[in-house]
Amino acid sequence: MASRYASEQYVGKVRDELKGDIASVRDELKGDIRAVGVVVERIESQVRSLAESLGATREDIDRKLTALEERLSARIATLEQVVRHHSSEIQSLRLEVAELRLRFDRRDLRLDELEARVAAVEKRLGVG
């Protein structure tokens, strides 16, 4: 029986030591958990701050892009108007050039006819 009593005492002693170790580890873990919690809160705060900053940056970029689009649209509209005007003028000039070519060709034919007539008159007169 003595050995059983000694064994129970040993088990009780080990149990008490383990309970003490567990309590010590539990206290250490609670401190570590609190420290991790503080770190997580800091990270969450930084993430919120970053999200707010990104939101503000996005709004700023959107405003700038909208302003740029408005300016470019106005410039493009002006350029389109100028191109339409010049296209119309170019079409008119093309018509004038075609008309001038036609008139030149007619004058060239008349000149050829006159040269033929002058040659015929010169031939009759014996000049030439």
Foldseek 3Di string as FASTA:
>chain_A
DVVVVVVVVVVVVVVVVVVVVVVVVVVVVVVVVVVVVVVVVVVVVVVVVVVVVVVVVVVVVVVVVVVVVVVVVVVVVVVVVVVVVVVVVVVVVVVVVVVVVVVVVVVVVVVVVVVVVVVVVCVVVVHD
